[in-house]
Amino acid sequence: MPTGYTHQVCEGKITEFPEFAMSCARAFGALITMRDAPMDADIPEEIAPETSYYEQRLTDEKKRLGEIQAMTKAEAEAAAATAHQEALTSRAKYLADKEQEATRLNAMLAKVRAWLPPTEEHVEMKKFMIDQLTISMPGDYAPAIPVLLDGPTWRQQQIDQLAESIVRNQKERDKEIERAAGRTAWVKALRSSLSPTERARP
């Protein structure tokens, strides 16, 4: 049975090796993002790096870093208090959500356990349902109770975290640029090997 890569060969739409090779190239690392694109979509000469996510993160983090560095002690104290209250609220919500999940799962588990399977095959289905509900139960994990930091400590913690994140996002952006350059080189080497001059070499 023809595959997505061979059906055009079977239909006589692709008869030349270079065209077939370029269509199959979509299954490899350099062009893997084109794997689900239409088979007649053009393969670009150059693979552009996708850095917009990292660029936006860097812009936002550098702006936030500047804002925190410019804070007065009073502003840092107020921000620390706000962050502490938000962390307490977030923790309470997490615990309430997990408790509600457990209540719903236990209610369904009771219904499954009360069900009388009509055949032996249905017994296996019942076991499966019980297993699924059981492994879905929330664990004992609970986020630590947040500590209220003084303004200067909170401010320094934020500065350190942002500086670390900026370095990490710069590295990831640079890796993406390097990956795109490698993919472009791979496509160029493939195109070159498919040219009549290269293919004529012994």
C-alpha atoms as a PDB file:
ATOM      1  CA  MET A   1       0.000   0.000   0.000  1.00  0.00           C
ATOM      2  CA  PRO A   2       1.470   3.416  -0.942  1.00  0.00           C
ATOM      3  CA  THR A   3       2.617   5.706   1.858  1.00  0.00           C
ATOM      4  CA  GLY A   4       2.439   9.468   2.054  1.00  0.00           C
ATOM      5  CA  TYR A   5       5.895   9.533   0.490  1.00  0.00           C
ATOM      6  CA  THR A   6       5.319   7.001  -2.287  1.00  0.00           C
ATOM      7  CA  HIS A   7       1.748   7.596  -3.443  1.00  0.00           C
ATOM      8  CA  GLN A   8       2.834  10.272  -5.943  1.00  0.00           C
ATOM      9  CA  VAL A   9       5.409   7.843  -7.360  1.00  0.00           C
ATOM     10  CA  CYS A  10       2.672   5.220  -7.701  1.00  0.00           C
ATOM     11  CA  GLU A  11       0.427   7.739  -9.437  1.00  0.00           C
ATOM     12  CA  GLY A  12       3.199   8.797 -11.833  1.00  0.00           C
ATOM     13  CA  LYS A  13       3.281  12.362 -10.461  1.00  0.00           C
ATOM     14  CA  ILE A  14       6.886  11.970  -9.288  1.00  0.00           C
ATOM     15  CA  THR A  15       9.219  10.221 -11.717  1.00  0.00           C
ATOM     16  CA  GLU A  16      12.597  11.892 -11.049  1.00  0.00           C
ATOM     17  CA  PHE A  17      14.922  10.875  -8.219  1.00  0.00           C
ATOM     18  CA  PRO A  18      15.740  14.428  -6.991  1.00  0.00           C
ATOM     19  CA  GLU A  19      12.045  15.214  -6.577  1.00  0.00           C
ATOM     20  CA  PHE A  20      11.428  11.958  -4.701  1.00  0.00           C
ATOM     21  CA  ALA A  21      14.511  12.508  -2.505  1.00  0.00           C
ATOM     22  CA  MET A  22      13.405  16.033  -1.604  1.00  0.00           C
ATOM     23  CA  SER A  23       9.924  14.817  -0.663  1.00  0.00           C
ATOM     24  CA  CYS A  24      11.428  12.122   1.584  1.00  0.00           C
ATOM     25  CA  ALA A  25      13.749  14.689   3.182  1.00  0.00           C
ATOM     26  CA  ARG A  26      10.741  15.946   5.156  1.00  0.00           C
ATOM     27  CA  ALA A  27      11.020  12.875   7.381  1.00  0.00           C
ATOM     28  CA  PHE A  28      14.467  13.898   8.652  1.00  0.00           C
ATOM     29  CA  GLY A  29      15.654  16.207  11.414  1.00  0.00           C
ATOM     30  CA  ALA A  30      16.447  19.228   9.291  1.00  0.00           C
ATOM     31  CA  LEU A  31      12.923  19.351   7.834  1.00  0.00           C
ATOM     32  CA  ILE A  32      10.978  17.478  10.507  1.00  0.00           C
ATOM     33  CA  THR A  33       8.726  20.506  11.059  1.00  0.00           C
ATOM     34  CA  MET A  34       7.494  20.012   7.467  1.00  0.00           C
ATOM     35  CA  ARG A  35       6.545  16.378   8.080  1.00  0.00           C
ATOM     36  CA  ASP A  36       2.823  17.205   8.254  1.00  0.00           C
ATOM     37  CA  ALA A  37       2.892  19.938   5.597  1.00  0.00           C
ATOM     38  CA  PRO A  38       1.364  19.186   2.171  1.00  0.00           C
ATOM     39  CA  MET A  39       3.772  17.178   0.001  1.00  0.00           C
ATOM     40  CA  ASP A  40       3.749  19.935  -2.619  1.00  0.00           C
ATOM     41  CA  ALA A  41       4.799  22.620  -0.122  1.00  0.00           C
ATOM     42  CA  ASP A  42       8.130  24.144  -1.155  1.00  0.00           C
ATOM     43  CA  ILE A  43      11.219  23.253   0.866  1.00  0.00           C
ATOM     44  CA  PRO A  44      12.956  26.534   1.709  1.00  0.00           C
ATOM     45  CA  GLU A  45      16.522  27.321   0.700  1.00  0.00           C
ATOM     46  CA  GLU A  46      17.215  28.524   4.219  1.00  0.00           C
ATOM     47  CA  ILE A  47      15.683  27.380   7.516  1.00  0.00           C
ATOM     48  CA  ALA A  48      14.971  30.471   9.599  1.00  0.00           C
ATOM     49  CA  PRO A  49      15.532  30.121  13.340  1.00  0.00           C
ATOM     50  CA  GLU A  50      12.385  30.321  15.455  1.00  0.00           C
ATOM     51  CA  THR A  51      13.597  32.704  18.146  1.00  0.00           C
ATOM     52  CA  SER A  52      10.501  34.873  18.725  1.00  0.00           C
ATOM     53  CA  TYR A  53       9.603  33.056  21.968  1.00  0.00           C
ATOM     54  CA  TYR A  54      13.074  33.594  23.422  1.00  0.00           C
ATOM     55  CA  GLU A  55      13.271  37.181  22.180  1.00  0.00           C
ATOM     56  CA  GLN A  56       9.947  38.008  23.866  1.00  0.00           C
ATOM     57  CA  ARG A  57      11.029  36.330  27.090  1.00  0.00           C
ATOM     58  CA  LEU A  58      14.310  38.250  27.074  1.00  0.00           C
ATOM     59  CA  THR A  59      12.541  41.560  26.450  1.00  0.00           C
ATOM     60  CA  ASP A  60      10.040  40.941  29.260  1.00  0.00           C
ATOM     61  CA  GLU A  61      12.644  39.690  31.730  1.00  0.00           C
ATOM     62  CA  LYS A  62      15.084  42.530  31.099  1.00  0.00           C
ATOM     63  CA  LYS A  63      12.270  45.040  31.567  1.00  0.00           C
ATOM     64  CA  ARG A  64      11.176  43.350  34.807  1.00  0.00           C
ATOM     65  CA  LEU A  65      14.776  43.183  36.022  1.00  0.00           C
ATOM     66  CA  GLY A  66      15.140  46.942  35.478  1.00  0.00           C
ATOM     67  CA  GLU A  67      11.907  47.590  37.372  1.00  0.00           C
ATOM     68  CA  ILE A  68      12.997  45.491  40.356  1.00  0.00           C
ATOM     69  CA  GLN A  69      16.473  46.992  40.446  1.00  0.00           C
ATOM     70  CA  ALA A  70      14.905  50.477  40.526  1.00  0.00           C
ATOM     71  CA  MET A  71      12.587  49.658  43.470  1.00  0.00           C
ATOM     72  CA  THR A  72      12.920  51.556  46.705  1.00  0.00           C
ATOM     73  CA  LYS A  73      13.060  49.613  49.960  1.00  0.00           C
ATOM     74  CA  ALA A  74       9.410  50.485  50.664  1.00  0.00           C
ATOM     75  CA  GLU A  75       8.342  49.306  47.199  1.00  0.00           C
ATOM     76  CA  ALA A  76      10.274  46.059  47.681  1.00  0.00           C
ATOM     77  CA  GLU A  77       8.610  45.494  51.072  1.00  0.00           C
ATOM     78  CA  ALA A  78       5.160  46.003  49.512  1.00  0.00           C
ATOM     79  CA  ALA A  79       6.005  43.712  46.559  1.00  0.00           C
ATOM     80  CA  ALA A  80       7.287  41.025  48.944  1.00  0.00           C
ATOM     81  CA  ALA A  81       4.053  41.181  50.956  1.00  0.00           C
ATOM     82  CA  THR A  82       1.957  40.948  47.762  1.00  0.00           C
ATOM     83  CA  ALA A  83       4.019  37.992  46.482  1.00  0.00           C
ATOM     84  CA  HIS A  84       3.609  36.239  49.844  1.00  0.00           C
ATOM     85  CA  GLN A  85      -0.175  36.695  49.813  1.00  0.00           C
ATOM     86  CA  GLU A  86      -0.370  35.438  46.194  1.00  0.00           C
ATOM     87  CA  ALA A  87       1.692  32.365  47.133  1.00  0.00           C
ATOM     88  CA  LEU A  88      -0.606  31.626  50.089  1.00  0.00           C
ATOM     89  CA  THR A  89      -3.686  31.973  47.860  1.00  0.00           C
ATOM     90  CA  SER A  90      -2.133  29.762  45.177  1.00  0.00           C
ATOM     91  CA  ARG A  91      -1.266  27.082  47.759  1.00  0.00           C
ATOM     92  CA  ALA A  92      -4.788  27.122  49.206  1.00  0.00           C
ATOM     93  CA  LYS A  93      -6.296  26.802  45.715  1.00  0.00           C
ATOM     94  CA  TYR A  94      -3.966  23.909  44.856  1.00  0.00           C
ATOM     95  CA  LEU A  95      -4.966  22.017  48.006  1.00  0.00           C
ATOM     96  CA  ALA A  96      -8.688  22.703  47.465  1.00  0.00           C
ATOM     97  CA  ASP A  97      -8.473  21.562  43.835  1.00  0.00           C
ATOM     98  CA  LYS A  98      -6.712  18.333  44.815  1.00  0.00           C
ATOM     99  CA  GLU A  99      -9.282  17.659  47.533  1.00  0.00           C
ATOM    100  CA  GLN A 100     -12.093  18.150  45.006  1.00  0.00           C
ATOM    101  CA  GLU A 101     -10.348  15.838  42.515  1.00  0.00           C
ATOM    102  CA  ALA A 102     -10.039  13.144  45.182  1.00  0.00           C
ATOM    103  CA  THR A 103     -13.728  13.512  46.101  1.00  0.00           C
ATOM    104  CA  ARG A 104     -14.796  13.120  42.465  1.00  0.00           C
ATOM    105  CA  LEU A 105     -12.476  10.181  41.845  1.00  0.00           C
ATOM    106  CA  ASN A 106     -13.631   8.407  45.025  1.00  0.00           C
ATOM    107  CA  ALA A 107     -17.264   8.937  44.079  1.00  0.00           C
ATOM    108  CA  MET A 108     -16.661   7.358  40.673  1.00  0.00           C
ATOM    109  CA  LEU A 109     -14.596   4.576  42.245  1.00  0.00           C
ATOM    110  CA  ALA A 110     -17.524   3.692  44.528  1.00  0.00           C
ATOM    111  CA  LYS A 111     -19.816   3.476  41.479  1.00  0.00           C
ATOM    112  CA  VAL A 112     -17.369   1.260  39.584  1.00  0.00           C
ATOM    113  CA  ARG A 113     -16.924  -1.047  42.588  1.00  0.00           C
ATOM    114  CA  ALA A 114     -20.715  -1.322  42.967  1.00  0.00           C
ATOM    115  CA  TRP A 115     -21.140  -2.320  39.299  1.00  0.00           C
ATOM    116  CA  LEU A 116     -21.768  -6.012  38.629  1.00  0.00           C
ATOM    117  CA  PRO A 117     -20.012  -6.976  35.381  1.00  0.00           C
ATOM    118  CA  PRO A 118     -22.280  -9.073  33.102  1.00  0.00           C
ATOM    119  CA  THR A 119     -19.472 -11.300  31.729  1.00  0.00           C
ATOM    120  CA  GLU A 120     -15.885 -12.333  32.506  1.00  0.00           C
ATOM    121  CA  GLU A 121     -14.594  -9.878  29.878  1.00  0.00           C
ATOM    122  CA  HIS A 122     -16.423  -7.094  31.673  1.00  0.00           C
ATOM    123  CA  VAL A 123     -14.647  -8.091  34.882  1.00  0.00           C
ATOM    124  CA  GLU A 124     -11.372  -7.116  33.174  1.00  0.00           C
ATOM    125  CA  MET A 125     -12.937  -3.818  32.171  1.00  0.00           C
ATOM    126  CA  LYS A 126     -13.959  -3.191  35.784  1.00  0.00           C
ATOM    127  CA  LYS A 127     -10.405  -3.878  36.957  1.00  0.00           C
ATOM    128  CA  PHE A 128      -9.093  -1.495  34.317  1.00  0.00           C
ATOM    129  CA  MET A 129     -11.469   1.276  35.416  1.00  0.00           C
ATOM    130  CA  ILE A 130     -10.491   0.788  39.057  1.00  0.00           C
ATOM    131  CA  ASP A 131      -6.805   0.922  38.130  1.00  0.00           C
ATOM    132  CA  GLN A 132      -7.292   4.114  36.112  1.00  0.00           C
ATOM    133  CA  LEU A 133      -9.156   5.857  38.912  1.00  0.00           C
ATOM    134  CA  THR A 134      -6.702   4.648  41.560  1.00  0.00           C
ATOM    135  CA  ILE A 135      -3.577   5.864  39.758  1.00  0.00           C
ATOM    136  CA  SER A 136      -5.306   9.210  39.149  1.00  0.00           C
ATOM    137  CA  MET A 137      -5.706   9.895  42.881  1.00  0.00           C
ATOM    138  CA  PRO A 138      -3.764  12.928  44.092  1.00  0.00           C
ATOM    139  CA  GLY A 139      -0.699  12.058  46.116  1.00  0.00           C
ATOM    140  CA  ASP A 140       0.311  13.401  49.510  1.00  0.00           C
ATOM    141  CA  TYR A 141       2.319  16.276  48.040  1.00  0.00           C
ATOM    142  CA  ALA A 142       1.478  19.720  49.385  1.00  0.00           C
ATOM    143  CA  PRO A 143       3.392  22.876  48.476  1.00  0.00           C
ATOM    144  CA  ALA A 144       5.461  24.249  51.323  1.00  0.00           C
ATOM    145  CA  ILE A 145       3.909  27.085  53.292  1.00  0.00           C
ATOM    146  CA  PRO A 146       5.460  30.229  51.767  1.00  0.00           C
ATOM    147  CA  VAL A 147       7.733  32.307  53.944  1.00  0.00           C
ATOM    148  CA  LEU A 148       7.244  36.059  54.125  1.00  0.00           C
ATOM    149  CA  LEU A 149      10.529  37.640  53.003  1.00  0.00           C
ATOM    150  CA  ASP A 150      11.662  41.132  53.876  1.00  0.00           C
ATOM    151  CA  GLY A 151      11.885  43.584  50.975  1.00  0.00           C
ATOM    152  CA  PRO A 152      15.655  43.462  50.334  1.00  0.00           C
ATOM    153  CA  THR A 153      15.769  39.645  50.483  1.00  0.00           C
ATOM    154  CA  TRP A 154      12.778  39.304  48.127  1.00  0.00           C
ATOM    155  CA  ARG A 155      14.284  41.887  45.763  1.00  0.00           C
ATOM    156  CA  GLN A 156      17.648  40.070  45.594  1.00  0.00           C
ATOM    157  CA  GLN A 157      15.911  36.719  45.091  1.00  0.00           C
ATOM    158  CA  GLN A 158      13.953  38.156  42.150  1.00  0.00           C
ATOM    159  CA  ILE A 159      17.079  39.719  40.639  1.00  0.00           C
ATOM    160  CA  ASP A 160      18.972  36.414  40.892  1.00  0.00           C
ATOM    161  CA  GLN A 161      16.097  34.415  39.348  1.00  0.00           C
ATOM    162  CA  LEU A 162      15.649  36.872  36.480  1.00  0.00           C
ATOM    163  CA  ALA A 163      19.395  37.036  35.765  1.00  0.00           C
ATOM    164  CA  GLU A 164      19.535  33.235  35.662  1.00  0.00           C
ATOM    165  CA  SER A 165      16.503  33.053  33.371  1.00  0.00           C
ATOM    166  CA  ILE A 166      17.958  35.686  31.027  1.00  0.00           C
ATOM    167  CA  VAL A 167      21.175  33.683  30.657  1.00  0.00           C
ATOM    168  CA  ARG A 168      19.171  30.474  30.074  1.00  0.00           C
ATOM    169  CA  ASN A 169      16.951  32.077  27.402  1.00  0.00           C
ATOM    170  CA  GLN A 170      19.961  33.631  25.654  1.00  0.00           C
ATOM    171  CA  LYS A 171      21.566  30.182  25.483  1.00  0.00           C
ATOM    172  CA  GLU A 172      18.372  28.592  24.140  1.00  0.00           C
ATOM    173  CA  ARG A 173      18.029  31.344  21.515  1.00  0.00           C
ATOM    174  CA  ASP A 174      21.644  30.807  20.431  1.00  0.00           C
ATOM    175  CA  LYS A 175      21.077  27.031  20.238  1.00  0.00           C
ATOM    176  CA  GLU A 176      18.027  27.575  18.009  1.00  0.00           C
ATOM    177  CA  ILE A 177      20.066  29.820  15.684  1.00  0.00           C
ATOM    178  CA  GLU A 178      22.762  27.131  15.545  1.00  0.00           C
ATOM    179  CA  ARG A 179      20.179  24.391  14.866  1.00  0.00           C
ATOM    180  CA  ALA A 180      18.631  26.430  12.033  1.00  0.00           C
ATOM    181  CA  ALA A 181      22.082  26.978  10.484  1.00  0.00           C
ATOM    182  CA  GLY A 182      22.770  23.219  10.686  1.00  0.00           C
ATOM    183  CA  ARG A 183      19.424  22.429   9.065  1.00  0.00           C
ATOM    184  CA  THR A 184      20.096  24.914   6.280  1.00  0.00           C
ATOM    185  CA  ALA A 185      23.514  23.324   5.657  1.00  0.00           C
ATOM    186  CA  TRP A 186      21.867  19.863   5.538  1.00  0.00           C
ATOM    187  CA  VAL A 187      19.319  20.995   2.935  1.00  0.00           C
ATOM    188  CA  LYS A 188      22.031  22.726   0.857  1.00  0.00           C
ATOM    189  CA  ALA A 189      24.197  19.596   0.915  1.00  0.00           C
ATOM    190  CA  LEU A 190      21.194  17.496  -0.151  1.00  0.00           C
ATOM    191  CA  ARG A 191      20.298  19.850  -3.016  1.00  0.00           C
ATOM    192  CA  SER A 192      23.924  19.906  -4.147  1.00  0.00           C
ATOM    193  CA  SER A 193      24.131  16.086  -4.145  1.00  0.00           C
ATOM    194  CA  LEU A 194      21.011  15.941  -6.329  1.00  0.00           C
ATOM    195  CA  SER A 195      22.312  18.337  -8.969  1.00  0.00           C
ATOM    196  CA  PRO A 196      23.229  16.700 -12.340  1.00  0.00           C
ATOM    197  CA  THR A 197      26.935  17.649 -11.934  1.00  0.00           C
ATOM    198  CA  GLU A 198      27.253  15.990  -8.528  1.00  0.00           C
ATOM    199  CA  ARG A 199      25.279  12.910  -9.547  1.00  0.00           C
ATOM    200  CA  ALA A 200      27.513  12.373 -12.589  1.00  0.00           C
ATOM    201  CA  ARG A 201      30.583  11.913 -10.389  1.00  0.00           C
ATOM    202  CA  PRO A 202      31.820   8.272 -10.108  1.00  0.00           C
END
